[in-house]
Amino acid sequence: MTTVRWLVTGAGGQLGSELSEALSDQDVTAATRVELDLLAADLLSALRGWTERADPGVRSVVINTAAWTDVDGAESDPDGAAVLNEHVPARLARA
């Protein structure tokens, strides 16, 4: 049987906190923006470090719930919104 380790990004938000709660009976790491900076240059190595700490036979799953949801803020900072809503998910997928 394969064991699953979950990493939930954006765990400080509504979706992330609800999902983390739903997975609370499993091996889940609920990462807020303070605990995992999705904009950090070393994000890929941080994620690799997280997955490599697992024992053989353990599947590591990352669920990204982090997003820029403030519509007015996104309109005033479209580049910032694009980074969080487009570029970060692409970086996570590559990792």
N, C-alpha and C. Protein backbone atom coordinates (compact mmCIF):
# COMPACT_ATOMS: atom_id res chain seq x y z
N MET A 1 0.84 -1.18 0.00
CA MET A 1 0.00 0.00 0.00
C MET A 1 0.89 1.25 0.00
N THR A 2 0.57 2.18 -0.86
CA THR A 2 1.34 3.41 -0.96
C THR A 2 0.82 4.43 0.04
N THR A 3 1.74 5.00 0.80
CA THR A 3 1.40 6.07 1.72
C THR A 3 1.52 7.39 0.98
N VAL A 4 0.66 8.34 1.32
CA VAL A 4 0.67 9.64 0.68
C VAL A 4 0.99 10.71 1.71
N ARG A 5 1.92 11.60 1.36
CA ARG A 5 2.21 12.81 2.13
C ARG A 5 1.64 13.97 1.35
N TRP A 6 0.92 14.82 2.01
CA TRP A 6 0.28 15.97 1.37
C TRP A 6 0.96 17.26 1.79
N LEU A 7 1.18 18.14 0.82
CA LEU A 7 1.63 19.50 1.10
C LEU A 7 0.57 20.42 0.54
N VAL A 8 -0.07 21.18 1.41
CA VAL A 8 -1.10 22.14 0.99
C VAL A 8 -0.50 23.53 1.10
N THR A 9 -0.33 24.19 -0.05
CA THR A 9 0.15 25.56 -0.04
C THR A 9 -1.04 26.50 0.10
N GLY A 10 -0.80 27.69 0.61
CA GLY A 10 -1.89 28.63 0.81
C GLY A 10 -2.81 28.21 1.94
N ALA A 11 -2.26 27.51 2.92
CA ALA A 11 -3.07 26.96 4.00
C ALA A 11 -3.66 28.03 4.93
N GLY A 12 -3.23 29.27 4.79
CA GLY A 12 -3.80 30.34 5.59
C GLY A 12 -5.10 30.87 5.02
N GLY A 13 -5.41 30.51 3.77
CA GLY A 13 -6.64 30.97 3.13
C GLY A 13 -7.80 30.03 3.43
N GLN A 14 -8.97 30.42 2.98
CA GLN A 14 -10.17 29.64 3.26
C GLN A 14 -10.11 28.24 2.67
N LEU A 15 -9.79 28.13 1.38
CA LEU A 15 -9.73 26.81 0.74
C LEU A 15 -8.62 25.96 1.34
N GLY A 16 -7.45 26.54 1.51
CA GLY A 16 -6.33 25.79 2.05
C GLY A 16 -6.56 25.31 3.47
N SER A 17 -7.17 26.14 4.29
CA SER A 17 -7.42 25.73 5.67
C SER A 17 -8.49 24.64 5.74
N GLU A 18 -9.52 24.74 4.91
CA GLU A 18 -10.56 23.70 4.87
C GLU A 18 -9.98 22.37 4.36
N LEU A 19 -9.17 22.44 3.33
CA LEU A 19 -8.57 21.22 2.79
C LEU A 19 -7.62 20.59 3.80
N SER A 20 -6.83 21.40 4.46
CA SER A 20 -5.92 20.89 5.48
C SER A 20 -6.69 20.21 6.60
N GLU A 21 -7.80 20.79 6.98
CA GLU A 21 -8.65 20.18 8.01
C GLU A 21 -9.21 18.85 7.53
N ALA A 22 -9.63 18.80 6.27
CA ALA A 22 -10.19 17.56 5.72
C ALA A 22 -9.13 16.45 5.67
N LEU A 23 -7.88 16.82 5.53
CA LEU A 23 -6.79 15.84 5.46
C LEU A 23 -6.11 15.63 6.81
N SER A 24 -6.65 16.17 7.87
CA SER A 24 -5.96 16.17 9.16
C SER A 24 -5.68 14.78 9.72
N ASP A 25 -6.38 13.77 9.26
CA ASP A 25 -6.11 12.42 9.74
C ASP A 25 -5.01 11.73 8.92
N GLN A 26 -4.41 12.48 7.99
CA GLN A 26 -3.34 11.94 7.15
C GLN A 26 -2.05 12.73 7.39
N ASP A 27 -1.01 12.35 6.68
CA ASP A 27 0.29 13.03 6.79
C ASP A 27 0.23 14.30 5.93
N VAL A 28 -0.17 15.40 6.54
CA VAL A 28 -0.36 16.65 5.79
C VAL A 28 0.51 17.75 6.39
N THR A 29 1.16 18.50 5.51
CA THR A 29 1.86 19.71 5.90
C THR A 29 1.06 20.87 5.33
N ALA A 30 0.52 21.69 6.21
CA ALA A 30 -0.28 22.84 5.81
C ALA A 30 0.62 24.07 5.86
N ALA A 31 1.03 24.55 4.69
CA ALA A 31 2.01 25.63 4.63
C ALA A 31 1.35 26.97 4.30
N THR A 32 1.49 27.91 5.20
CA THR A 32 1.04 29.28 4.94
C THR A 32 2.15 30.02 4.20
N ARG A 33 1.89 31.24 3.82
CA ARG A 33 2.91 32.01 3.08
C ARG A 33 4.15 32.26 3.94
N VAL A 34 3.99 32.31 5.25
CA VAL A 34 5.14 32.49 6.14
C VAL A 34 6.00 31.23 6.15
N GLU A 35 5.37 30.08 6.12
CA GLU A 35 6.10 28.81 6.20
C GLU A 35 6.70 28.37 4.87
N LEU A 36 6.10 28.76 3.75
CA LEU A 36 6.61 28.42 2.44
C LEU A 36 6.38 29.60 1.51
N ASP A 37 7.45 30.31 1.22
CA ASP A 37 7.37 31.47 0.34
C ASP A 37 7.36 31.00 -1.11
N LEU A 38 6.19 31.03 -1.73
CA LEU A 38 6.05 30.55 -3.10
C LEU A 38 6.76 31.44 -4.11
N LEU A 39 7.16 32.62 -3.69
CA LEU A 39 7.86 33.54 -4.58
C LEU A 39 9.38 33.45 -4.42
N ALA A 40 9.84 32.64 -3.51
CA ALA A 40 11.28 32.54 -3.24
C ALA A 40 12.02 31.91 -4.42
N ALA A 41 13.22 32.39 -4.63
CA ALA A 41 14.04 31.86 -5.72
C ALA A 41 14.37 30.39 -5.51
N ASP A 42 14.45 29.95 -4.26
CA ASP A 42 14.82 28.56 -3.97
C ASP A 42 13.60 27.65 -3.76
N LEU A 43 12.44 28.03 -4.30
CA LEU A 43 11.22 27.24 -4.12
C LEU A 43 11.40 25.80 -4.60
N LEU A 44 11.99 25.62 -5.76
CA LEU A 44 12.14 24.27 -6.30
C LEU A 44 13.00 23.40 -5.39
N SER A 45 14.08 23.94 -4.86
CA SER A 45 14.91 23.13 -3.98
C SER A 45 14.20 22.86 -2.66
N ALA A 46 13.40 23.80 -2.18
CA ALA A 46 12.63 23.57 -0.95
C ALA A 46 11.63 22.43 -1.15
N LEU A 47 10.98 22.41 -2.29
CA LEU A 47 10.02 21.34 -2.58
C LEU A 47 10.72 20.00 -2.77
N ARG A 48 11.85 20.03 -3.45
CA ARG A 48 12.61 18.78 -3.61
C ARG A 48 13.04 18.24 -2.25
N GLY A 49 13.47 19.14 -1.37
CA GLY A 49 13.85 18.72 -0.03
C GLY A 49 12.68 18.09 0.71
N TRP A 50 11.49 18.64 0.54
CA TRP A 50 10.30 18.10 1.19
C TRP A 50 9.99 16.70 0.65
N THR A 51 10.04 16.53 -0.67
CA THR A 51 9.72 15.22 -1.25
C THR A 51 10.80 14.19 -0.95
N GLU A 52 12.05 14.61 -0.90
CA GLU A 52 13.14 13.67 -0.66
C GLU A 52 13.20 13.17 0.77
N ARG A 53 12.55 13.87 1.70
CA ARG A 53 12.53 13.42 3.09
C ARG A 53 11.58 12.24 3.29
N ALA A 54 10.78 11.93 2.28
CA ALA A 54 9.83 10.82 2.40
C ALA A 54 10.56 9.47 2.27
N ASP A 55 10.02 8.49 2.94
CA ASP A 55 10.55 7.13 2.83
C ASP A 55 10.20 6.56 1.46
N PRO A 56 10.95 5.56 1.00
CA PRO A 56 10.58 4.90 -0.25
C PRO A 56 9.16 4.34 -0.15
N GLY A 57 8.43 4.42 -1.22
CA GLY A 57 7.05 3.94 -1.21
C GLY A 57 6.05 4.99 -0.78
N VAL A 58 6.54 6.18 -0.45
CA VAL A 58 5.65 7.26 -0.04
C VAL A 58 5.49 8.22 -1.21
N ARG A 59 4.26 8.48 -1.58
CA ARG A 59 3.98 9.41 -2.66
C ARG A 59 3.78 10.80 -2.05
N SER A 60 4.44 11.79 -2.63
CA SER A 60 4.31 13.17 -2.18
C SER A 60 3.41 13.92 -3.15
N VAL A 61 2.38 14.56 -2.61
CA VAL A 61 1.41 15.29 -3.43
C VAL A 61 1.36 16.74 -2.95
N VAL A 62 1.50 17.67 -3.89
CA VAL A 62 1.40 19.09 -3.58
C VAL A 62 0.08 19.60 -4.13
N ILE A 63 -0.70 20.23 -3.27
CA ILE A 63 -1.95 20.86 -3.69
C ILE A 63 -1.79 22.36 -3.46
N ASN A 64 -1.84 23.12 -4.55
CA ASN A 64 -1.66 24.56 -4.45
C ASN A 64 -3.02 25.25 -4.33
N THR A 65 -3.27 25.84 -3.17
CA THR A 65 -4.50 26.61 -2.99
C THR A 65 -4.20 28.10 -2.87
N ALA A 66 -2.92 28.46 -3.02
CA ALA A 66 -2.54 29.87 -2.93
C ALA A 66 -2.97 30.59 -4.20
N ALA A 67 -3.55 31.76 -4.04
CA ALA A 67 -3.99 32.53 -5.20
C ALA A 67 -4.22 33.98 -4.79
N TRP A 68 -4.13 34.85 -5.75
CA TRP A 68 -4.46 36.26 -5.55
C TRP A 68 -5.94 36.38 -5.87
N THR A 69 -6.76 36.53 -4.85
CA THR A 69 -8.22 36.55 -5.05
C THR A 69 -8.83 37.94 -4.89
N ASP A 70 -8.04 38.91 -4.49
CA ASP A 70 -8.51 40.29 -4.34
C ASP A 70 -8.59 40.93 -5.73
N VAL A 71 -9.79 41.00 -6.28
CA VAL A 71 -9.97 41.49 -7.65
C VAL A 71 -9.47 42.92 -7.81
N ASP A 72 -9.84 43.80 -6.89
CA ASP A 72 -9.39 45.19 -6.99
C ASP A 72 -7.87 45.28 -6.89
N GLY A 73 -7.29 44.52 -5.99
CA GLY A 73 -5.84 44.51 -5.84
C GLY A 73 -5.15 43.96 -7.08
N ALA A 74 -5.74 42.93 -7.68
CA ALA A 74 -5.18 42.35 -8.90
C ALA A 74 -5.24 43.33 -10.06
N GLU A 75 -6.30 44.12 -10.10
CA GLU A 75 -6.41 45.12 -11.16
C GLU A 75 -5.36 46.22 -10.99
N SER A 76 -5.05 46.55 -9.74
CA SER A 76 -4.04 47.59 -9.52
C SER A 76 -2.62 47.05 -9.60
N ASP A 77 -2.44 45.74 -9.48
CA ASP A 77 -1.12 45.12 -9.58
C ASP A 77 -1.22 43.85 -10.43
N PRO A 78 -1.49 44.01 -11.73
CA PRO A 78 -1.67 42.82 -12.57
C PRO A 78 -0.42 41.94 -12.66
N ASP A 79 0.75 42.56 -12.59
CA ASP A 79 1.98 41.76 -12.65
C ASP A 79 2.11 40.88 -11.41
N GLY A 80 1.81 41.43 -10.24
CA GLY A 80 1.86 40.65 -9.01
C GLY A 80 0.86 39.51 -9.02
N ALA A 81 -0.35 39.80 -9.51
CA ALA A 81 -1.38 38.77 -9.60
C ALA A 81 -0.97 37.67 -10.57
N ALA A 82 -0.34 38.05 -11.68
CA ALA A 82 0.10 37.06 -12.67
C ALA A 82 1.17 36.16 -12.09
N VAL A 83 2.06 36.72 -11.31
CA VAL A 83 3.11 35.89 -10.69
C VAL A 83 2.48 34.82 -9.81
N LEU A 84 1.57 35.22 -8.93
CA LEU A 84 0.98 34.27 -8.00
C LEU A 84 0.00 33.32 -8.67
N ASN A 85 -0.77 33.79 -9.62
CA ASN A 85 -1.82 32.97 -10.21
C ASN A 85 -1.39 32.22 -11.46
N GLU A 86 -0.29 32.61 -12.08
CA GLU A 86 0.17 31.93 -13.30
C GLU A 86 1.56 31.32 -13.13
N HIS A 87 2.51 32.13 -12.72
CA HIS A 87 3.90 31.68 -12.69
C HIS A 87 4.17 30.69 -11.56
N VAL A 88 3.63 30.94 -10.38
CA VAL A 88 3.86 30.03 -9.26
C VAL A 88 3.29 28.63 -9.56
N PRO A 89 2.06 28.51 -10.04
CA PRO A 89 1.57 27.15 -10.38
C PRO A 89 2.44 26.44 -11.42
N ALA A 90 2.96 27.21 -12.38
CA ALA A 90 3.85 26.60 -13.39
C ALA A 90 5.14 26.10 -12.73
N ARG A 91 5.69 26.87 -11.80
CA ARG A 91 6.90 26.46 -11.09
C ARG A 91 6.64 25.22 -10.24
N LEU A 92 5.48 25.20 -9.58
CA LEU A 92 5.12 24.04 -8.77
C LEU A 92 4.97 22.79 -9.64
N ALA A 93 4.38 22.95 -10.81
CA ALA A 93 4.21 21.79 -11.71
C ALA A 93 5.56 21.26 -12.17
N ARG A 94 6.49 22.16 -12.45
CA ARG A 94 7.83 21.72 -12.85
C ARG A 94 8.55 20.99 -11.72
N ALA A 95 8.30 21.42 -10.52
CA ALA A 95 8.96 20.79 -9.36
C ALA A 95 8.45 19.38 -9.17
